[in-house]
């Protein structure tokens, strides 16, 4: 699972859909919610597999951003890098 830069893409929604999306997203960014849904559709995953892949991406992000995991290392490799490699292997 590789991390790539995000490319902006505009989507026009009917007002009623926009308002529902805004209400559902609440504290979470609506862009993230839409991005996750589009990713799941494009990758052709069922809801379980799509959710599983999203959980793996979220886990990798948490590990990469963790100050301690990034600063502690063994044999020249940080704990964060080692964990990310292991988590990426879990992807279907």
PDB file of N, CA and C in Angstrom:
ATOM      1  N   UNK A   1       0.846  -1.165   0.000  1.00  0.00           N
ATOM      2  CA  UNK A   1       0.000   0.000   0.000  1.00  0.00           C
ATOM      3  C   UNK A   1       0.890   1.226   0.000  1.00  0.00           C
ATOM      4  N   UNK A   2       0.867   1.990  -1.050  1.00  0.00           N
ATOM      5  CA  UNK A   2       1.742   3.130  -1.144  1.00  0.00           C
ATOM      6  C   UNK A   2       0.983   4.418  -0.883  1.00  0.00           C
ATOM      7  N   UNK A   3       1.659   5.361  -0.265  1.00  0.00           N
ATOM      8  CA  UNK A   3       1.054   6.650   0.004  1.00  0.00           C
ATOM      9  C   UNK A   3       1.403   7.578  -1.142  1.00  0.00           C
ATOM     10  N   UNK A   4       0.418   8.208  -1.707  1.00  0.00           N
ATOM     11  CA  UNK A   4       0.637   9.139  -2.805  1.00  0.00           C
ATOM     12  C   UNK A   4       0.035  10.478  -2.432  1.00  0.00           C
ATOM     13  N   UNK A   5       0.536  11.499  -3.084  1.00  0.00           N
ATOM     14  CA  UNK A   5      -0.008  12.831  -2.823  1.00  0.00           C
ATOM     15  C   UNK A   5      -1.464  12.873  -3.283  1.00  0.00           C
ATOM     16  N   UNK A   6      -2.229  13.738  -2.669  1.00  0.00           N
ATOM     17  CA  UNK A   6      -3.640  13.883  -3.021  1.00  0.00           C
ATOM     18  C   UNK A   6      -3.774  14.939  -4.114  1.00  0.00           C
ATOM     19  N   UNK A   7      -4.568  14.639  -5.109  1.00  0.00           N
ATOM     20  CA  UNK A   7      -4.795  15.546  -6.228  1.00  0.00           C
ATOM     21  C   UNK A   7      -6.200  16.116  -6.087  1.00  0.00           C
ATOM     22  N   UNK A   8      -6.349  17.440  -6.115  1.00  0.00           N
ATOM     23  CA  UNK A   8      -7.684  18.029  -5.962  1.00  0.00           C
ATOM     24  C   UNK A   8      -8.611  17.638  -7.119  1.00  0.00           C
ATOM     25  N   UNK A   9      -9.867  17.389  -6.785  1.00  0.00           N
ATOM     26  CA  UNK A   9     -10.866  17.025  -7.776  1.00  0.00           C
ATOM     27  C   UNK A   9     -12.197  17.590  -7.301  1.00  0.00           C
ATOM     28  N   UNK A  10     -12.853  18.336  -8.135  1.00  0.00           N
ATOM     29  CA  UNK A  10     -14.102  18.986  -7.762  1.00  0.00           C
ATOM     30  C   UNK A  10     -15.298  18.111  -8.121  1.00  0.00           C
ATOM     31  N   UNK A  11     -16.244  18.019  -7.205  1.00  0.00           N
ATOM     32  CA  UNK A  11     -17.469  17.260  -7.436  1.00  0.00           C
ATOM     33  C   UNK A  11     -18.652  18.178  -7.134  1.00  0.00           C
ATOM     34  N   UNK A  12     -19.576  18.242  -8.069  1.00  0.00           N
ATOM     35  CA  UNK A  12     -20.772  19.051  -7.866  1.00  0.00           C
ATOM     36  C   UNK A  12     -21.899  18.148  -7.390  1.00  0.00           C
ATOM     37  N   UNK A  13     -22.555  18.569  -6.308  1.00  0.00           N
ATOM     38  CA  UNK A  13     -23.629  17.785  -5.698  1.00  0.00           C
ATOM     39  C   UNK A  13     -24.922  18.596  -5.697  1.00  0.00           C
ATOM     40  N   UNK A  14     -26.039  17.872  -5.752  1.00  0.00           N
ATOM     41  CA  UNK A  14     -27.323  18.552  -5.546  1.00  0.00           C
ATOM     42  C   UNK A  14     -27.312  19.112  -4.121  1.00  0.00           C
ATOM     43  N   UNK A  15     -28.056  20.169  -3.896  1.00  0.00           N
ATOM     44  CA  UNK A  15     -28.046  20.816  -2.587  1.00  0.00           C
ATOM     45  C   UNK A  15     -28.515  19.872  -1.477  1.00  0.00           C
ATOM     46  N   UNK A  16     -29.537  19.073  -1.743  1.00  0.00           N
ATOM     47  CA  UNK A  16     -30.031  18.170  -0.702  1.00  0.00           C
ATOM     48  C   UNK A  16     -28.967  17.134  -0.316  1.00  0.00           C
ATOM     49  N   UNK A  17     -28.220  16.646  -1.297  1.00  0.00           N
ATOM     50  CA  UNK A  17     -27.144  15.683  -1.012  1.00  0.00           C
ATOM     51  C   UNK A  17     -26.026  16.383  -0.250  1.00  0.00           C
ATOM     52  N   UNK A  18     -25.688  17.588  -0.661  1.00  0.00           N
ATOM     53  CA  UNK A  18     -24.656  18.363   0.027  1.00  0.00           C
ATOM     54  C   UNK A  18     -25.003  18.553   1.499  1.00  0.00           C
ATOM     55  N   UNK A  19     -26.245  18.935   1.784  1.00  0.00           N
ATOM     56  CA  UNK A  19     -26.667  19.166   3.168  1.00  0.00           C
ATOM     57  C   UNK A  19     -26.636  17.876   3.992  1.00  0.00           C
ATOM     58  N   UNK A  20     -27.043  16.754   3.383  1.00  0.00           N
ATOM     59  CA  UNK A  20     -26.984  15.471   4.085  1.00  0.00           C
ATOM     60  C   UNK A  20     -25.538  15.072   4.358  1.00  0.00           C
ATOM     61  N   UNK A  21     -24.666  15.273   3.377  1.00  0.00           N
ATOM     62  CA  UNK A  21     -23.248  14.959   3.549  1.00  0.00           C
ATOM     63  C   UNK A  21     -22.646  15.794   4.667  1.00  0.00           C
ATOM     64  N   UNK A  22     -22.960  17.063   4.685  1.00  0.00           N
ATOM     65  CA  UNK A  22     -22.464  17.971   5.723  1.00  0.00           C
ATOM     66  C   UNK A  22     -22.940  17.519   7.107  1.00  0.00           C
ATOM     67  N   UNK A  23     -24.189  17.087   7.205  1.00  0.00           N
ATOM     68  CA  UNK A  23     -24.739  16.621   8.480  1.00  0.00           C
ATOM     69  C   UNK A  23     -24.091  15.305   8.929  1.00  0.00           C
ATOM     70  N   UNK A  24     -23.860  14.399   7.984  1.00  0.00           N
ATOM     71  CA  UNK A  24     -23.250  13.105   8.307  1.00  0.00           C
ATOM     72  C   UNK A  24     -21.801  13.288   8.730  1.00  0.00           C
ATOM     73  N   UNK A  25     -21.094  14.172   8.042  1.00  0.00           N
ATOM     74  CA  UNK A  25     -19.661  14.347   8.293  1.00  0.00           C
ATOM     75  C   UNK A  25     -19.401  14.948   9.670  1.00  0.00           C
ATOM     76  N   UNK A  26     -20.238  15.859  10.124  1.00  0.00           N
ATOM     77  CA  UNK A  26     -20.101  16.541  11.415  1.00  0.00           C
ATOM     78  C   UNK A  26     -18.666  16.993  11.649  1.00  0.00           C
ATOM     79  N   UNK A  27     -17.992  16.427  12.656  1.00  0.00           N
ATOM     80  CA  UNK A  27     -16.643  16.853  13.004  1.00  0.00           C
ATOM     81  C   UNK A  27     -15.611  16.379  11.994  1.00  0.00           C
ATOM     82  N   UNK A  28     -15.902  15.305  11.316  1.00  0.00           N
ATOM     83  CA  UNK A  28     -14.976  14.769  10.325  1.00  0.00           C
ATOM     84  C   UNK A  28     -15.081  15.607   9.059  1.00  0.00           C
ATOM     85  N   UNK A  29     -14.006  15.754   8.372  1.00  0.00           N
ATOM     86  CA  UNK A  29     -14.021  16.517   7.121  1.00  0.00           C
ATOM     87  C   UNK A  29     -14.826  15.767   6.064  1.00  0.00           C
ATOM     88  N   UNK A  30     -15.734  16.470   5.417  1.00  0.00           N
ATOM     89  CA  UNK A  30     -16.567  15.854   4.379  1.00  0.00           C
ATOM     90  C   UNK A  30     -15.699  15.359   3.226  1.00  0.00           C
ATOM     91  N   UNK A  31     -14.614  16.065   2.917  1.00  0.00           N
ATOM     92  CA  UNK A  31     -13.729  15.650   1.818  1.00  0.00           C
ATOM     93  C   UNK A  31     -13.165  14.266   2.079  1.00  0.00           C
ATOM     94  N   UNK A  32     -12.793  14.000   3.308  1.00  0.00           N
ATOM     95  CA  UNK A  32     -12.253  12.691   3.663  1.00  0.00           C
ATOM     96  C   UNK A  32     -13.307  11.602   3.499  1.00  0.00           C
ATOM     97  N   UNK A  33     -14.521  11.906   3.903  1.00  0.00           N
ATOM     98  CA  UNK A  33     -15.621  10.952   3.769  1.00  0.00           C
ATOM     99  C   UNK A  33     -15.881  10.630   2.291  1.00  0.00           C
ATOM    100  N   UNK A  34     -15.929  11.667   1.457  1.00  0.00           N
ATOM    101  CA  UNK A  34     -16.160  11.479   0.025  1.00  0.00           C
ATOM    102  C   UNK A  34     -14.979  10.735  -0.604  1.00  0.00           C
ATOM    103  N   UNK A  35     -13.749  11.103  -0.236  1.00  0.00           N
ATOM    104  CA  UNK A  35     -12.557  10.442  -0.768  1.00  0.00           C
ATOM    105  C   UNK A  35     -12.570   8.947  -0.458  1.00  0.00           C
ATOM    106  N   UNK A  36     -12.926   8.597   0.770  1.00  0.00           N
ATOM    107  CA  UNK A  36     -12.978   7.185   1.156  1.00  0.00           C
ATOM    108  C   UNK A  36     -14.032   6.428   0.348  1.00  0.00           C
ATOM    109  N   UNK A  37     -15.187   7.044   0.144  1.00  0.00           N
ATOM    110  CA  UNK A  37     -16.257   6.391  -0.625  1.00  0.00           C
ATOM    111  C   UNK A  37     -15.845   6.197  -2.082  1.00  0.00           C
ATOM    112  N   UNK A  38     -15.242   7.218  -2.669  1.00  0.00           N
ATOM    113  CA  UNK A  38     -14.802   7.113  -4.062  1.00  0.00           C
ATOM    114  C   UNK A  38     -13.713   6.060  -4.198  1.00  0.00           C
ATOM    115  N   UNK A  39     -12.771   6.042  -3.266  1.00  0.00           N
ATOM    116  CA  UNK A  39     -11.696   5.050  -3.292  1.00  0.00           C
ATOM    117  C   UNK A  39     -12.264   3.645  -3.248  1.00  0.00           C
ATOM    118  N   UNK A  40     -13.238   3.415  -2.373  1.00  0.00           N
ATOM    119  CA  UNK A  40     -13.839   2.095  -2.255  1.00  0.00           C
ATOM    120  C   UNK A  40     -14.541   1.687  -3.561  1.00  0.00           C
ATOM    121  N   UNK A  41     -15.242   2.624  -4.168  1.00  0.00           N
ATOM    122  CA  UNK A  41     -15.949   2.329  -5.419  1.00  0.00           C
ATOM    123  C   UNK A  41     -14.957   2.035  -6.543  1.00  0.00           C
ATOM    124  N   UNK A  42     -13.954   2.872  -6.693  1.00  0.00           N
ATOM    125  CA  UNK A  42     -12.988   2.725  -7.783  1.00  0.00           C
ATOM    126  C   UNK A  42     -12.174   1.443  -7.634  1.00  0.00           C
ATOM    127  N   UNK A  43     -11.813   1.094  -6.389  1.00  0.00           N
ATOM    128  CA  UNK A  43     -11.039  -0.126  -6.164  1.00  0.00           C
ATOM    129  C   UNK A  43     -11.902  -1.373  -6.280  1.00  0.00           C
ATOM    130  N   UNK A  44     -13.226  -1.200  -6.411  1.00  0.00           N
ATOM    131  CA  UNK A  44     -14.130  -2.329  -6.618  1.00  0.00           C
ATOM    132  C   UNK A  44     -14.293  -3.223  -5.412  1.00  0.00           C
ATOM    133  N   UNK A  45     -14.090  -2.674  -4.242  1.00  0.00           N
ATOM    134  CA  UNK A  45     -14.179  -3.481  -3.028  1.00  0.00           C
ATOM    135  C   UNK A  45     -15.605  -3.553  -2.505  1.00  0.00           C
ATOM    136  N   UNK A  46     -15.893  -4.672  -1.820  1.00  0.00           N
ATOM    137  CA  UNK A  46     -17.144  -4.733  -1.084  1.00  0.00           C
ATOM    138  C   UNK A  46     -16.961  -3.879   0.169  1.00  0.00           C
ATOM    139  N   UNK A  47     -18.011  -3.677   0.925  1.00  0.00           N
ATOM    140  CA  UNK A  47     -17.913  -2.769   2.075  1.00  0.00           C
ATOM    141  C   UNK A  47     -16.937  -3.275   3.133  1.00  0.00           C
ATOM    142  N   UNK A  48     -16.854  -4.588   3.342  1.00  0.00           N
ATOM    143  CA  UNK A  48     -15.914  -5.114   4.336  1.00  0.00           C
ATOM    144  C   UNK A  48     -14.480  -4.863   3.908  1.00  0.00           C
ATOM    145  N   UNK A  49     -14.136  -5.243   2.669  1.00  0.00           N
ATOM    146  CA  UNK A  49     -12.765  -5.086   2.186  1.00  0.00           C
ATOM    147  C   UNK A  49     -12.378  -3.613   2.118  1.00  0.00           C
ATOM    148  N   UNK A  50     -13.296  -2.779   1.665  1.00  0.00           N
ATOM    149  CA  UNK A  50     -13.032  -1.342   1.610  1.00  0.00           C
ATOM    150  C   UNK A  50     -12.776  -0.779   2.993  1.00  0.00           C
ATOM    151  N   UNK A  51     -13.574  -1.190   3.963  1.00  0.00           N
ATOM    152  CA  UNK A  51     -13.383  -0.739   5.342  1.00  0.00           C
ATOM    153  C   UNK A  51     -12.085  -1.233   5.935  1.00  0.00           C
ATOM    154  N   UNK A  52     -11.737  -2.470   5.604  1.00  0.00           N
ATOM    155  CA  UNK A  52     -10.484  -3.060   6.095  1.00  0.00           C
ATOM    156  C   UNK A  52      -9.282  -2.295   5.547  1.00  0.00           C
ATOM    157  N   UNK A  53      -9.303  -2.008   4.233  1.00  0.00           N
ATOM    158  CA  UNK A  53      -8.202  -1.253   3.640  1.00  0.00           C
ATOM    159  C   UNK A  53      -8.113   0.147   4.236  1.00  0.00           C
ATOM    160  N   UNK A  54      -9.262   0.760   4.489  1.00  0.00           N
ATOM    161  CA  UNK A  54      -9.279   2.091   5.100  1.00  0.00           C
ATOM    162  C   UNK A  54      -8.687   2.031   6.499  1.00  0.00           C
ATOM    163  N   UNK A  55      -9.020   0.995   7.250  1.00  0.00           N
ATOM    164  CA  UNK A  55      -8.463   0.837   8.592  1.00  0.00           C
ATOM    165  C   UNK A  55      -6.950   0.670   8.535  1.00  0.00           C
ATOM    166  N   UNK A  56      -6.457  -0.086   7.558  1.00  0.00           N
ATOM    167  CA  UNK A  56      -5.010  -0.248   7.409  1.00  0.00           C
ATOM    168  C   UNK A  56      -4.349   1.089   7.085  1.00  0.00           C
ATOM    169  N   UNK A  57      -4.959   1.868   6.174  1.00  0.00           N
ATOM    170  CA  UNK A  57      -4.397   3.186   5.838  1.00  0.00           C
ATOM    171  C   UNK A  57      -4.383   4.099   7.059  1.00  0.00           C
ATOM    172  N   UNK A  58      -5.458   4.078   7.842  1.00  0.00           N
ATOM    173  CA  UNK A  58      -5.521   4.907   9.050  1.00  0.00           C
ATOM    174  C   UNK A  58      -4.460   4.476  10.065  1.00  0.00           C
ATOM    175  N   UNK A  59      -4.290   3.168  10.212  1.00  0.00           N
ATOM    176  CA  UNK A  59      -3.300   2.640  11.150  1.00  0.00           C
ATOM    177  C   UNK A  59      -1.894   3.058  10.724  1.00  0.00           C
ATOM    178  N   UNK A  60      -1.606   2.933   9.442  1.00  0.00           N
ATOM    179  CA  UNK A  60      -0.290   3.348   8.930  1.00  0.00           C
ATOM    180  C   UNK A  60      -0.059   4.829   9.213  1.00  0.00           C
ATOM    181  N   UNK A  61      -1.079   5.639   9.010  1.00  0.00           N
ATOM    182  CA  UNK A  61      -0.958   7.074   9.254  1.00  0.00           C
ATOM    183  C   UNK A  61      -0.645   7.357  10.724  1.00  0.00           C
ATOM    184  N   UNK A  62      -1.321   6.673  11.630  1.00  0.00           N
ATOM    185  CA  UNK A  62      -1.084   6.862  13.059  1.00  0.00           C
ATOM    186  C   UNK A  62       0.351   6.477  13.422  1.00  0.00           C
ATOM    187  N   UNK A  63       0.808   5.344  12.913  1.00  0.00           N
ATOM    188  CA  UNK A  63       2.168   4.880  13.202  1.00  0.00           C
ATOM    189  C   UNK A  63       3.197   5.863  12.653  1.00  0.00           C
ATOM    190  N   UNK A  64       2.987   6.339  11.419  1.00  0.00           N
ATOM    191  CA  UNK A  64       3.942   7.261  10.806  1.00  0.00           C
ATOM    192  C   UNK A  64       4.007   8.600  11.536  1.00  0.00           C
ATOM    193  N   UNK A  65       2.904   9.029  12.116  1.00  0.00           N
ATOM    194  CA  UNK A  65       2.867  10.314  12.809  1.00  0.00           C
ATOM    195  C   UNK A  65       3.280  10.225  14.279  1.00  0.00           C
ATOM    196  N   UNK A  66       3.427   9.001  14.806  1.00  0.00           N
ATOM    197  CA  UNK A  66       3.784   8.835  16.212  1.00  0.00           C
ATOM    198  C   UNK A  66       5.246   9.212  16.444  1.00  0.00           C
ATOM    199  N   UNK A  67       5.450  10.187  17.305  1.00  0.00           N
ATOM    200  CA  UNK A  67       6.801  10.698  17.578  1.00  0.00           C
ATOM    201  C   UNK A  67       7.717   9.613  18.141  1.00  0.00           C
ATOM    202  N   UNK A  68       7.232   8.835  19.073  1.00  0.00           N
ATOM    203  CA  UNK A  68       8.073   7.806  19.701  1.00  0.00           C
ATOM    204  C   UNK A  68       8.417   6.700  18.719  1.00  0.00           C
ATOM    205  N   UNK A  69       7.426   6.232  17.963  1.00  0.00           N
ATOM    206  CA  UNK A  69       7.674   5.148  17.010  1.00  0.00           C
ATOM    207  C   UNK A  69       8.669   5.580  15.938  1.00  0.00           C
ATOM    208  N   UNK A  70       8.645   6.860  15.585  1.00  0.00           N
ATOM    209  CA  UNK A  70       9.558   7.363  14.575  1.00  0.00           C
ATOM    210  C   UNK A  70      10.957   7.618  15.083  1.00  0.00           C
ATOM    211  N   UNK A  71      11.076   7.819  16.399  1.00  0.00           N
ATOM    212  CA  UNK A  71      12.393   8.162  16.942  1.00  0.00           C
ATOM    213  C   UNK A  71      13.148   6.969  17.515  1.00  0.00           C
ATOM    214  N   UNK A  72      12.466   5.860  17.761  1.00  0.00           N
ATOM    215  CA  UNK A  72      13.119   4.669  18.311  1.00  0.00           C
ATOM    216  C   UNK A  72      13.430   3.718  17.167  1.00  0.00           C
ATOM    217  N   UNK A  73      14.641   3.207  17.157  1.00  0.00           N
ATOM    218  CA  UNK A  73      15.009   2.310  16.074  1.00  0.00           C
ATOM    219  C   UNK A  73      15.906   1.179  16.523  1.00  0.00           C
ATOM    220  N   UNK A  74      15.927   0.148  15.716  1.00  0.00           N
ATOM    221  CA  UNK A  74      16.790  -1.011  15.956  1.00  0.00           C
ATOM    222  C   UNK A  74      17.439  -1.355  14.621  1.00  0.00           C
ATOM    223  N   UNK A  75      18.744  -1.524  14.633  1.00  0.00           N
ATOM    224  CA  UNK A  75      19.447  -1.916  13.416  1.00  0.00           C
ATOM    225  C   UNK A  75      19.296  -0.921  12.281  1.00  0.00           C
ATOM    226  N   UNK A  76      19.188   0.365  12.602  1.00  0.00           N
ATOM    227  CA  UNK A  76      19.085   1.390  11.569  1.00  0.00           C
ATOM    228  C   UNK A  76      17.696   1.593  10.997  1.00  0.00           C
ATOM    229  N   UNK A  77      16.696   0.889  11.520  1.00  0.00           N
ATOM    230  CA  UNK A  77      15.328   1.036  11.036  1.00  0.00           C
ATOM    231  C   UNK A  77      14.438   1.468  12.186  1.00  0.00           C
ATOM    232  N   UNK A  78      13.617   2.492  11.942  1.00  0.00           N
ATOM    233  CA  UNK A  78      12.734   2.958  13.003  1.00  0.00           C
ATOM    234  C   UNK A  78      11.618   1.939  13.246  1.00  0.00           C
ATOM    235  N   UNK A  79      11.109   1.967  14.461  1.00  0.00           N
ATOM    236  CA  UNK A  79       9.979   1.100  14.809  1.00  0.00           C
ATOM    237  C   UNK A  79       8.797   1.419  13.879  1.00  0.00           C
ATOM    238  N   UNK A  80       8.598   2.698  13.582  1.00  0.00           N
ATOM    239  CA  UNK A  80       7.490   3.103  12.700  1.00  0.00           C
ATOM    240  C   UNK A  80       7.615   2.449  11.325  1.00  0.00           C
ATOM    241  N   UNK A  81       8.816   2.511  10.743  1.00  0.00           N
ATOM    242  CA  UNK A  81       9.012   1.912   9.419  1.00  0.00           C
ATOM    243  C   UNK A  81       8.773   0.404   9.441  1.00  0.00           C
ATOM    244  N   UNK A  82       9.258  -0.245  10.486  1.00  0.00           N
ATOM    245  CA  UNK A  82       9.085  -1.699  10.608  1.00  0.00           C
ATOM    246  C   UNK A  82       7.600  -2.051  10.720  1.00  0.00           C
ATOM    247  N   UNK A  83       6.865  -1.301  11.550  1.00  0.00           N
ATOM    248  CA  UNK A  83       5.429  -1.565  11.719  1.00  0.00           C
ATOM    249  C   UNK A  83       4.653  -1.293  10.437  1.00  0.00           C
ATOM    250  N   UNK A  84       4.990  -0.208   9.731  1.00  0.00           N
ATOM    251  CA  UNK A  84       4.301   0.116   8.479  1.00  0.00           C
ATOM    252  C   UNK A  84       4.496  -1.005   7.467  1.00  0.00           C
ATOM    253  N   UNK A  85       5.705  -1.534   7.370  1.00  0.00           N
ATOM    254  CA  UNK A  85       5.980  -2.641   6.451  1.00  0.00           C
ATOM    255  C   UNK A  85       5.114  -3.845   6.793  1.00  0.00           C
ATOM    256  N   UNK A  86       4.997  -4.158   8.075  1.00  0.00           N
ATOM    257  CA  UNK A  86       4.189  -5.307   8.502  1.00  0.00           C
ATOM    258  C   UNK A  86       2.698  -5.059   8.247  1.00  0.00           C
ATOM    259  N   UNK A  87       2.230  -3.845   8.492  1.00  0.00           N
ATOM    260  CA  UNK A  87       0.819  -3.512   8.272  1.00  0.00           C
ATOM    261  C   UNK A  87       0.489  -3.568   6.787  1.00  0.00           C
ATOM    262  N   UNK A  88       1.395  -3.085   5.930  1.00  0.00           N
ATOM    263  CA  UNK A  88       1.157  -3.105   4.480  1.00  0.00           C
ATOM    264  C   UNK A  88       0.995  -4.529   3.967  1.00  0.00           C
ATOM    265  N   UNK A  89       1.653  -5.482   4.589  1.00  0.00           N
ATOM    266  CA  UNK A  89       1.545  -6.892   4.170  1.00  0.00           C
ATOM    267  C   UNK A  89       0.167  -7.465   4.467  1.00  0.00           C
ATOM    268  N   UNK A  90      -0.606  -6.820   5.319  1.00  0.00           N
ATOM    269  CA  UNK A  90      -1.946  -7.295   5.657  1.00  0.00           C
ATOM    270  C   UNK A  90      -2.986  -6.939   4.587  1.00  0.00           C
ATOM    271  N   UNK A  91      -2.614  -6.049   3.671  1.00  0.00           N
ATOM    272  CA  UNK A  91      -3.560  -5.613   2.647  1.00  0.00           C
ATOM    273  C   UNK A  91      -3.907  -6.746   1.692  1.00  0.00           C
ATOM    274  N   UNK A  92      -5.205  -6.883   1.405  1.00  0.00           N
ATOM    275  CA  UNK A  92      -5.638  -7.919   0.471  1.00  0.00           C
ATOM    276  C   UNK A  92      -5.205  -7.633  -0.959  1.00  0.00           C
TER     277      UNK A  92
END
